[in-house]
């Protein structure tokens, strides 16, 4: 049975092993649909601001964003803009694989997925036109609340990230070097920034969400890549060519 025949009957969704295999639709106890993450290779998630009715999608090449009408039955309907386009996007160049992922994310989001709750976690469940399987994306509640789930408070901070890691005991590959001010000395960052995977020889300026736990430890989650640029290592032919041209 095709999902499209039952899409409008999802007043509520009972989740059975959402992260592993399937969901069961209300009224169809014998029918289940196999669902998978929209991407198994990339950590794609939806960030939802319930107060501003705004969302953004992170984890592909570009950040996609838009306004949303979230219906009482959980239907996640993207609002069209003045030019008719439902989604806005950053404009970074992408390799073919990530470009295809961005296109699949866009098609998923404009196909009116459903908001699904499992415990205190939220997900969007839906389809991509032309694909038989159903997919899901995790939803991070940034502001406001959905049902009785409230967004966790955080502070927004900015970090510069060095293109070079430094040796440390905490990580075999070395630790990130960070600083909040461009003119400050680099400091060792022993943890991980959730949602951020640096590319070798690239430096960044990141906007992060800083969450404080009860024990005072800070957790950082990527909010936006503000700046990024390639750093050519000293002695690399490209660096020599650049110096010659000057």
Protein backbone atom coordinates (compact mmCIF):
# COMPACT_ATOMS: atom_id res chain seq x y z
CA UNK A 1 0.00 0.00 0.00
CA UNK A 2 1.38 3.37 -1.00
CA UNK A 3 2.06 6.04 1.61
CA UNK A 4 0.24 8.71 -0.44
CA UNK A 5 -3.13 6.98 0.11
CA UNK A 6 -2.80 7.35 3.88
CA UNK A 7 -0.88 10.61 4.23
CA UNK A 8 -3.92 12.70 5.15
CA UNK A 9 -5.11 10.14 7.73
CA UNK A 10 -2.11 10.66 10.01
CA UNK A 11 -3.80 12.49 12.86
CA UNK A 12 -1.26 10.80 15.12
CA UNK A 13 1.57 8.39 14.43
CA UNK A 14 2.60 5.47 16.64
CA UNK A 15 6.33 4.97 16.35
CA UNK A 16 7.75 1.46 16.52
CA UNK A 17 11.51 1.39 16.42
CA UNK A 18 11.71 4.62 14.43
CA UNK A 19 15.48 4.77 14.32
CA UNK A 20 15.76 1.13 13.33
CA UNK A 21 13.08 0.11 10.93
CA UNK A 22 9.45 1.11 10.77
CA UNK A 23 6.47 3.15 11.88
CA UNK A 24 2.89 1.98 12.24
CA UNK A 25 -0.01 4.17 11.16
CA UNK A 26 -3.06 4.65 13.37
CA UNK A 27 -5.99 2.61 12.11
CA UNK A 28 -3.74 0.20 10.24
CA UNK A 29 -2.30 -2.08 12.92
CA UNK A 30 -1.21 -4.64 10.35
CA UNK A 31 0.43 -2.12 8.01
CA UNK A 32 3.95 -0.84 8.58
CA UNK A 33 6.26 1.27 6.47
CA UNK A 34 10.00 0.84 6.37
CA UNK A 35 11.71 4.16 6.91
CA UNK A 36 15.35 5.16 6.85
CA UNK A 37 17.28 8.37 7.55
CA UNK A 38 17.16 10.72 4.59
CA UNK A 39 20.95 10.37 4.50
CA UNK A 40 22.96 7.57 6.09
CA UNK A 41 26.29 9.23 5.28
CA UNK A 42 25.58 12.77 6.53
CA UNK A 43 24.18 14.12 9.81
CA UNK A 44 21.20 16.05 8.44
CA UNK A 45 18.76 17.70 10.86
CA UNK A 46 15.96 20.25 10.94
CA UNK A 47 16.20 23.18 13.37
CA UNK A 48 12.75 24.56 14.21
CA UNK A 49 11.92 27.95 15.73
CA UNK A 50 8.30 27.62 16.82
CA UNK A 51 8.09 31.25 17.94
CA UNK A 52 9.09 32.69 14.55
CA UNK A 53 7.59 29.79 12.53
CA UNK A 54 10.96 29.41 10.85
CA UNK A 55 13.11 26.37 10.15
CA UNK A 56 16.51 25.57 8.69
CA UNK A 57 18.04 22.30 7.52
CA UNK A 58 21.70 21.56 8.20
CA UNK A 59 24.02 18.74 7.18
CA UNK A 60 24.05 18.94 3.42
CA UNK A 61 26.26 21.28 1.44
CA UNK A 62 24.10 24.37 1.84
CA UNK A 63 21.77 25.42 4.64
CA UNK A 64 18.15 25.41 3.51
CA UNK A 65 15.61 27.59 5.29
CA UNK A 66 12.01 28.73 5.16
CA UNK A 67 8.78 29.56 6.98
CA UNK A 68 6.42 26.83 8.08
CA UNK A 69 2.77 26.25 8.86
CA UNK A 70 2.72 23.44 11.43
CA UNK A 71 -0.80 22.02 11.49
CA UNK A 72 -2.54 20.48 14.50
CA UNK A 73 -2.31 17.05 12.87
CA UNK A 74 1.47 17.42 12.56
CA UNK A 75 1.56 18.32 8.87
CA UNK A 76 4.71 20.36 8.23
CA UNK A 77 3.71 22.67 5.38
CA UNK A 78 6.40 24.98 3.97
CA UNK A 79 5.21 28.51 3.24
CA UNK A 80 5.93 29.83 -0.25
CA UNK A 81 7.84 33.10 -0.63
CA UNK A 82 6.98 36.14 -2.73
CA UNK A 83 8.77 34.70 -5.76
CA UNK A 84 6.97 31.41 -5.33
CA UNK A 85 10.02 29.49 -4.11
CA UNK A 86 9.32 27.56 -0.94
CA UNK A 87 12.92 27.35 0.31
CA UNK A 88 15.84 29.74 0.50
CA UNK A 89 19.41 28.47 0.50
CA UNK A 90 22.97 29.56 1.08
CA UNK A 91 25.03 29.59 -2.11
CA UNK A 92 28.17 27.55 -1.46
CA UNK A 93 29.63 25.49 -4.29
CA UNK A 94 28.95 21.77 -3.80
CA UNK A 95 30.39 18.58 -5.17
CA UNK A 96 27.90 16.46 -7.18
CA UNK A 97 27.12 14.09 -4.29
CA UNK A 98 26.23 16.89 -1.86
CA UNK A 99 24.35 18.78 -4.57
CA UNK A 100 22.15 15.71 -5.04
CA UNK A 101 21.63 15.48 -1.27
CA UNK A 102 20.55 19.14 -1.13
CA UNK A 103 18.02 18.46 -3.89
CA UNK A 104 16.61 15.44 -2.00
CA UNK A 105 16.36 17.47 1.22
CA UNK A 106 14.49 20.21 -0.64
CA UNK A 107 12.04 17.74 -2.19
CA UNK A 108 11.50 16.05 1.18
CA UNK A 109 10.76 19.34 2.95
CA UNK A 110 8.27 20.66 0.38
CA UNK A 111 6.35 17.35 0.26
CA UNK A 112 4.55 18.08 3.56
CA UNK A 113 6.23 15.60 5.91
CA UNK A 114 4.64 14.80 9.27
CA UNK A 115 5.97 15.71 12.71
CA UNK A 116 6.41 12.56 14.80
CA UNK A 117 7.24 12.30 18.48
CA UNK A 118 9.17 9.45 20.09
CA UNK A 119 9.66 10.10 23.79
CA UNK A 120 11.15 13.59 24.02
CA UNK A 121 12.57 13.42 20.49
CA UNK A 122 10.95 14.91 17.39
CA UNK A 123 11.25 13.77 13.78
CA UNK A 124 9.86 14.63 10.37
CA UNK A 125 8.67 11.57 8.46
CA UNK A 126 7.85 11.72 4.77
CA UNK A 127 8.87 10.84 1.25
CA UNK A 128 10.95 12.10 -1.64
CA UNK A 129 9.06 12.15 -4.96
CA UNK A 130 10.16 9.25 -7.13
CA UNK A 131 11.41 7.15 -4.20
CA UNK A 132 9.40 4.24 -2.76
CA UNK A 133 10.85 4.32 0.77
CA UNK A 134 9.79 6.69 3.52
CA UNK A 135 12.48 8.71 5.29
CA UNK A 136 12.93 10.72 8.47
CA UNK A 137 14.94 13.71 9.66
CA UNK A 138 15.54 14.53 13.35
CA UNK A 139 14.12 17.86 14.51
CA UNK A 140 15.92 20.11 16.99
CA UNK A 141 13.55 22.53 18.73
CA UNK A 142 15.40 25.85 18.83
CA UNK A 143 12.79 28.23 20.28
CA UNK A 144 9.30 27.77 21.69
CA UNK A 145 7.61 24.43 22.24
CA UNK A 146 5.80 21.65 20.42
CA UNK A 147 3.17 19.72 22.36
CA UNK A 148 4.80 19.64 25.83
CA UNK A 149 8.40 19.56 24.55
CA UNK A 150 10.20 22.84 25.20
CA UNK A 151 13.36 24.16 23.57
CA UNK A 152 16.44 24.02 25.78
CA UNK A 153 17.99 27.42 26.66
CA UNK A 154 21.38 28.21 25.17
CA UNK A 155 23.83 31.05 24.59
CA UNK A 156 25.03 31.94 21.10
CA UNK A 157 28.83 32.18 20.77
CA UNK A 158 31.30 32.61 17.90
CA UNK A 159 34.50 30.58 17.47
CA UNK A 160 37.34 30.79 15.00
CA UNK A 161 38.62 27.31 14.08
CA UNK A 162 42.23 26.83 12.98
CA UNK A 163 43.02 24.86 9.83
CA UNK A 164 45.52 22.82 11.87
CA UNK A 165 44.79 20.37 14.66
CA UNK A 166 47.19 20.07 17.58
CA UNK A 167 48.37 16.85 19.27
CA UNK A 168 46.40 15.96 22.41
CA UNK A 169 45.65 12.94 24.60
CA UNK A 170 41.90 13.20 24.16
CA UNK A 171 41.83 12.53 20.40
CA UNK A 172 44.14 10.40 18.28
CA UNK A 173 43.70 12.66 15.26
CA UNK A 174 44.50 15.74 17.36
CA UNK A 175 42.30 18.42 18.89
CA UNK A 176 40.78 21.47 17.29
CA UNK A 177 42.33 24.85 17.99
CA UNK A 178 39.81 27.61 18.68
CA UNK A 179 39.61 31.24 19.72
CA UNK A 180 36.77 33.70 20.22
CA UNK A 181 38.76 36.75 19.11
CA UNK A 182 40.69 36.86 15.84
CA UNK A 183 43.74 38.40 17.53
CA UNK A 184 43.84 36.03 20.51
CA UNK A 185 46.09 32.99 20.92
CA UNK A 186 44.76 29.63 19.83
CA UNK A 187 43.38 27.38 22.61
CA UNK A 188 43.01 23.60 22.56
CA UNK A 189 39.41 22.36 22.26
CA UNK A 190 39.29 18.80 23.57
CA UNK A 191 35.67 18.03 22.75
CA UNK A 192 33.62 17.80 19.59
CA UNK A 193 31.34 20.41 18.05
CA UNK A 194 28.09 18.63 17.26
CA UNK A 195 27.17 18.89 13.58
CA UNK A 196 30.58 20.22 12.51
CA UNK A 197 33.04 18.22 10.42
CA UNK A 198 36.06 20.33 9.44
CA UNK A 199 37.69 19.87 6.05
CA UNK A 200 41.47 19.54 6.08
CA UNK A 201 43.35 22.80 5.38
CA UNK A 202 40.22 24.92 5.87
CA UNK A 203 39.75 27.52 8.60
CA UNK A 204 36.34 28.61 9.83
CA UNK A 205 34.36 31.11 11.83
CA UNK A 206 31.39 29.36 13.41
CA UNK A 207 28.25 30.50 15.18
CA UNK A 208 27.54 27.96 17.91
CA UNK A 209 24.85 27.19 20.44
CA UNK A 210 26.38 26.71 23.87
CA UNK A 211 24.35 24.56 26.26
CA UNK A 212 25.29 24.38 29.94
CA UNK A 213 24.74 21.09 31.78
CA UNK A 214 24.02 20.82 35.50
CA UNK A 215 27.67 20.00 36.23
CA UNK A 216 28.79 23.19 34.48
CA UNK A 217 30.17 21.50 31.37
CA UNK A 218 29.47 23.21 28.06
CA UNK A 219 28.16 21.47 24.96
CA UNK A 220 28.55 23.18 21.59
CA UNK A 221 26.29 22.62 18.60
CA UNK A 222 26.89 24.12 15.16
CA UNK A 223 24.40 26.86 14.35
CA UNK A 224 25.98 28.36 11.23
CA UNK A 225 29.26 28.45 9.30
CA UNK A 226 29.79 32.21 9.10
CA UNK A 227 33.08 32.14 7.18
CA UNK A 228 35.33 29.48 5.71
CA UNK A 229 38.45 29.55 3.57
CA UNK A 230 41.23 27.30 2.36
CA UNK A 231 44.68 27.74 3.89
CA UNK A 232 47.50 26.69 1.54
CA UNK A 233 50.30 24.99 3.51
CA UNK A 234 53.74 26.60 3.36
CA UNK A 235 55.83 24.93 0.67
CA UNK A 236 52.80 23.79 -1.34
CA UNK A 237 53.14 24.57 -5.10
CA UNK A 238 50.02 26.76 -4.94
CA UNK A 239 51.63 28.89 -2.24
CA UNK A 240 54.79 29.27 -4.34
CA UNK A 241 52.74 30.30 -7.38
CA UNK A 242 50.86 32.87 -5.29
CA UNK A 243 54.10 34.40 -4.02
CA UNK A 244 55.54 34.53 -7.56
CA UNK A 245 52.49 36.38 -8.86
CA UNK A 246 52.83 38.98 -6.13
